Amino acid sequence: MTNYDIIRAHYAGSDNRDLDAMLAPITAETAWTEMAGFPCAGTYHGPEEIVENVFKALGEAWENYTLKVERILDAGDTVIGVGTYSGTFKETGKHMEARVTHVWDLKDGKVIRFEQFTDTLLVAEAMKS
């Protein structure tokens, strides 16, 4: 599988709510960074931290939290996903849609680094009472 195929499979796992597929390319050394200003902001290492601080946290706080990937760009050891986040913040009942870009760096078929870029203002506005 190419790096492009590996990240495409991760996104397919996300679409299918298949955590094992999503975590397949993640290792204990993977550094996963959620953008400053985003609800899960920070850098997490390894599958346990990523699940707890990102996937689980978003699932608990948002209803129908979804990522719709529109483009995946193959740059060899780097793969870029472009799409839109959407969901309703449970506490306020407000819906949001925000554009997002993911930058994935891979080595030997595993993710070594992930970085998210998104419009954090749109997310924050949905979270305001």
C-alpha atoms as a PDB file:
ATOM      1  CA  MET A   1       0.000   0.000   0.000  1.00  0.00           C
ATOM      2  CA  THR A   2       1.157   3.523  -0.743  1.00  0.00           C
ATOM      3  CA  ASN A   3       1.037   6.294   1.853  1.00  0.00           C
ATOM      4  CA  TYR A   4      -1.941   7.683  -0.059  1.00  0.00           C
ATOM      5  CA  ASP A   5      -3.738   4.313   0.266  1.00  0.00           C
ATOM      6  CA  ILE A   6      -2.954   4.148   3.992  1.00  0.00           C
ATOM      7  CA  ILE A   7      -4.501   7.556   4.685  1.00  0.00           C
ATOM      8  CA  ARG A   8      -7.427   6.846   2.370  1.00  0.00           C
ATOM      9  CA  ALA A   9      -8.075   3.690   4.444  1.00  0.00           C
ATOM     10  CA  HIS A  10      -7.909   5.784   7.654  1.00  0.00           C
ATOM     11  CA  TYR A  11     -10.563   8.146   6.288  1.00  0.00           C
ATOM     12  CA  ALA A  12     -12.714   5.203   5.134  1.00  0.00           C
ATOM     13  CA  GLY A  13     -12.477   3.868   8.690  1.00  0.00           C
ATOM     14  CA  SER A  14     -13.606   7.241   9.982  1.00  0.00           C
ATOM     15  CA  ASP A  15     -16.583   7.216   7.602  1.00  0.00           C
ATOM     16  CA  ASN A  16     -17.519   3.745   8.871  1.00  0.00           C
ATOM     17  CA  ARG A  17     -16.850   4.521  12.557  1.00  0.00           C
ATOM     18  CA  ASP A  18     -14.223   1.746  12.490  1.00  0.00           C
ATOM     19  CA  LEU A  19     -11.698   2.690  15.179  1.00  0.00           C
ATOM     20  CA  ASP A  20      -9.362  -0.212  14.350  1.00  0.00           C
ATOM     21  CA  ALA A  21      -9.082   0.968  10.734  1.00  0.00           C
ATOM     22  CA  MET A  22      -8.499   4.538  11.874  1.00  0.00           C
ATOM     23  CA  LEU A  23      -5.722   3.477  14.246  1.00  0.00           C
ATOM     24  CA  ALA A  24      -4.026   0.995  11.897  1.00  0.00           C
ATOM     25  CA  PRO A  25      -1.264   3.407  10.782  1.00  0.00           C
ATOM     26  CA  ILE A  26      -0.812   4.966  14.256  1.00  0.00           C
ATOM     27  CA  THR A  27       2.098   3.906  16.495  1.00  0.00           C
ATOM     28  CA  ALA A  28       3.238   4.788  20.012  1.00  0.00           C
ATOM     29  CA  GLU A  29       5.607   7.315  18.405  1.00  0.00           C
ATOM     30  CA  THR A  30       2.947   9.091  16.341  1.00  0.00           C
ATOM     31  CA  ALA A  31       2.703  12.800  17.240  1.00  0.00           C
ATOM     32  CA  TRP A  32      -0.889  13.986  16.622  1.00  0.00           C
ATOM     33  CA  THR A  33      -1.441  17.765  16.811  1.00  0.00           C
ATOM     34  CA  GLU A  34      -4.847  19.407  17.033  1.00  0.00           C
ATOM     35  CA  MET A  35      -4.693  23.122  16.259  1.00  0.00           C
ATOM     36  CA  ALA A  36      -4.528  25.757  19.000  1.00  0.00           C
ATOM     37  CA  GLY A  37      -8.029  27.139  19.562  1.00  0.00           C
ATOM     38  CA  PHE A  38      -9.678  23.804  18.693  1.00  0.00           C
ATOM     39  CA  PRO A  39     -11.529  22.032  21.562  1.00  0.00           C
ATOM     40  CA  CYS A  40      -8.943  19.224  21.639  1.00  0.00           C
ATOM     41  CA  ALA A  41      -5.912  21.481  21.122  1.00  0.00           C
ATOM     42  CA  GLY A  42      -2.569  19.911  21.872  1.00  0.00           C
ATOM     43  CA  THR A  43      -0.144  17.258  20.743  1.00  0.00           C
ATOM     44  CA  TYR A  44      -0.834  13.662  21.697  1.00  0.00           C
ATOM     45  CA  HIS A  45       1.394  10.617  21.307  1.00  0.00           C
ATOM     46  CA  GLY A  46       0.232   7.125  20.506  1.00  0.00           C
ATOM     47  CA  PRO A  47      -3.181   5.580  19.985  1.00  0.00           C
ATOM     48  CA  GLU A  48      -4.358   5.732  23.615  1.00  0.00           C
ATOM     49  CA  GLU A  49      -3.772   9.486  23.975  1.00  0.00           C
ATOM     50  CA  ILE A  50      -5.255  10.187  20.553  1.00  0.00           C
ATOM     51  CA  VAL A  51      -8.400   8.171  21.237  1.00  0.00           C
ATOM     52  CA  GLU A  52      -8.909   9.652  24.717  1.00  0.00           C
ATOM     53  CA  ASN A  53      -8.104  13.302  23.931  1.00  0.00           C
ATOM     54  CA  VAL A  54      -9.446  13.577  20.387  1.00  0.00           C
ATOM     55  CA  PHE A  55     -11.820  10.858  19.146  1.00  0.00           C
ATOM     56  CA  LYS A  56     -13.565  10.171  22.466  1.00  0.00           C
ATOM     57  CA  ALA A  57     -13.618  13.830  23.530  1.00  0.00           C
ATOM     58  CA  LEU A  58     -15.208  14.955  20.255  1.00  0.00           C
ATOM     59  CA  GLY A  59     -17.709  12.091  20.329  1.00  0.00           C
ATOM     60  CA  GLU A  60     -18.814  12.976  23.850  1.00  0.00           C
ATOM     61  CA  ALA A  61     -19.155  16.732  23.254  1.00  0.00           C
ATOM     62  CA  TRP A  62     -20.639  16.755  19.748  1.00  0.00           C
ATOM     63  CA  GLU A  63     -23.655  15.094  18.173  1.00  0.00           C
ATOM     64  CA  ASN A  64     -23.132  13.724  14.659  1.00  0.00           C
ATOM     65  CA  TYR A  65     -19.554  15.017  14.557  1.00  0.00           C
ATOM     66  CA  THR A  66     -18.429  14.253  11.020  1.00  0.00           C
ATOM     67  CA  LEU A  67     -15.499  14.781   8.714  1.00  0.00           C
ATOM     68  CA  LYS A  68     -16.290  14.832   5.012  1.00  0.00           C
ATOM     69  CA  VAL A  69     -13.040  14.469   3.080  1.00  0.00           C
ATOM     70  CA  GLU A  70     -13.228  15.959  -0.394  1.00  0.00           C
ATOM     71  CA  ARG A  71      -9.629  15.640  -1.557  1.00  0.00           C
ATOM     72  CA  ILE A  72      -6.604  13.579  -0.646  1.00  0.00           C
ATOM     73  CA  LEU A  73      -3.345  14.811  -2.112  1.00  0.00           C
ATOM     74  CA  ASP A  74      -0.370  12.486  -2.523  1.00  0.00           C
ATOM     75  CA  ALA A  75       3.018  14.124  -1.900  1.00  0.00           C
ATOM     76  CA  GLY A  76       4.999  10.941  -1.287  1.00  0.00           C
ATOM     77  CA  ASP A  77       5.913  10.764   2.408  1.00  0.00           C
ATOM     78  CA  THR A  78       3.343  13.499   3.075  1.00  0.00           C
ATOM     79  CA  VAL A  79      -0.373  13.111   2.392  1.00  0.00           C
ATOM     80  CA  ILE A  80      -2.865  15.973   2.711  1.00  0.00           C
ATOM     81  CA  GLY A  81      -6.580  15.600   3.365  1.00  0.00           C
ATOM     82  CA  VAL A  82      -8.959  18.495   2.711  1.00  0.00           C
ATOM     83  CA  GLY A  83     -12.565  18.551   3.823  1.00  0.00           C
ATOM     84  CA  THR A  84     -15.220  19.875   6.188  1.00  0.00           C
ATOM     85  CA  TYR A  85     -16.007  19.169   9.818  1.00  0.00           C
ATOM     86  CA  SER A  86     -19.634  19.367  10.908  1.00  0.00           C
ATOM     87  CA  GLY A  87     -21.614  18.594  14.003  1.00  0.00           C
ATOM     88  CA  THR A  88     -23.853  19.993  16.732  1.00  0.00           C
ATOM     89  CA  PHE A  89     -22.344  20.938  20.072  1.00  0.00           C
ATOM     90  CA  LYS A  90     -24.453  19.082  22.636  1.00  0.00           C
ATOM     91  CA  GLU A  91     -24.258  21.740  25.350  1.00  0.00           C
ATOM     92  CA  THR A  92     -25.535  24.600  23.150  1.00  0.00           C
ATOM     93  CA  GLY A  93     -27.426  22.778  20.409  1.00  0.00           C
ATOM     94  CA  LYS A  94     -25.569  24.899  17.843  1.00  0.00           C
ATOM     95  CA  HIS A  95     -24.453  23.390  14.550  1.00  0.00           C
ATOM     96  CA  MET A  96     -21.133  24.162  12.893  1.00  0.00           C
ATOM     97  CA  GLU A  97     -19.371  23.509   9.624  1.00  0.00           C
ATOM     98  CA  ALA A  98     -15.677  24.345   9.322  1.00  0.00           C
ATOM     99  CA  ARG A  99     -13.147  23.703   6.580  1.00  0.00           C
ATOM    100  CA  VAL A 100     -10.176  21.548   7.586  1.00  0.00           C
ATOM    101  CA  THR A 101      -6.837  20.409   6.247  1.00  0.00           C
ATOM    102  CA  HIS A 102      -4.890  17.465   7.664  1.00  0.00           C
ATOM    103  CA  VAL A 103      -1.182  17.027   6.979  1.00  0.00           C
ATOM    104  CA  TRP A 104       0.082  13.474   7.458  1.00  0.00           C
ATOM    105  CA  ASP A 105       3.772  12.522   7.453  1.00  0.00           C
ATOM    106  CA  LEU A 106       4.513   8.812   7.083  1.00  0.00           C
ATOM    107  CA  LYS A 107       7.571   6.582   7.259  1.00  0.00           C
ATOM    108  CA  ASP A 108       7.589   2.873   6.458  1.00  0.00           C
ATOM    109  CA  GLY A 109       3.793   2.826   6.171  1.00  0.00           C
ATOM    110  CA  LYS A 110       3.146   4.369   9.597  1.00  0.00           C
ATOM    111  CA  VAL A 111       2.115   7.876  10.624  1.00  0.00           C
ATOM    112  CA  ILE A 112       4.949   9.685  12.345  1.00  0.00           C
ATOM    113  CA  ARG A 113       3.223  13.065  12.479  1.00  0.00           C
ATOM    114  CA  PHE A 114      -0.299  14.450  11.963  1.00  0.00           C
ATOM    115  CA  GLU A 115      -1.240  18.123  12.059  1.00  0.00           C
ATOM    116  CA  GLN A 116      -4.706  19.645  11.768  1.00  0.00           C
ATOM    117  CA  PHE A 117      -5.522  23.128  10.425  1.00  0.00           C
ATOM    118  CA  THR A 118      -9.112  24.351  10.759  1.00  0.00           C
ATOM    119  CA  ASP A 119     -11.268  27.441  11.254  1.00  0.00           C
ATOM    120  CA  THR A 120     -11.360  27.351  15.036  1.00  0.00           C
ATOM    121  CA  LEU A 121     -13.579  30.457  15.240  1.00  0.00           C
ATOM    122  CA  LEU A 122     -16.490  28.633  13.607  1.00  0.00           C
ATOM    123  CA  VAL A 123     -16.072  25.759  16.060  1.00  0.00           C
ATOM    124  CA  ALA A 124     -15.812  28.115  19.054  1.00  0.00           C
ATOM    125  CA  GLU A 125     -18.962  30.010  18.005  1.00  0.00           C
ATOM    126  CA  ALA A 126     -20.977  26.775  18.115  1.00  0.00           C
ATOM    127  CA  MET A 127     -19.676  26.160  21.628  1.00  0.00           C
ATOM    128  CA  LYS A 128     -20.705  29.585  22.992  1.00  0.00           C
ATOM    129  CA  SER A 129     -23.918  29.804  25.011  1.00  0.00           C
END
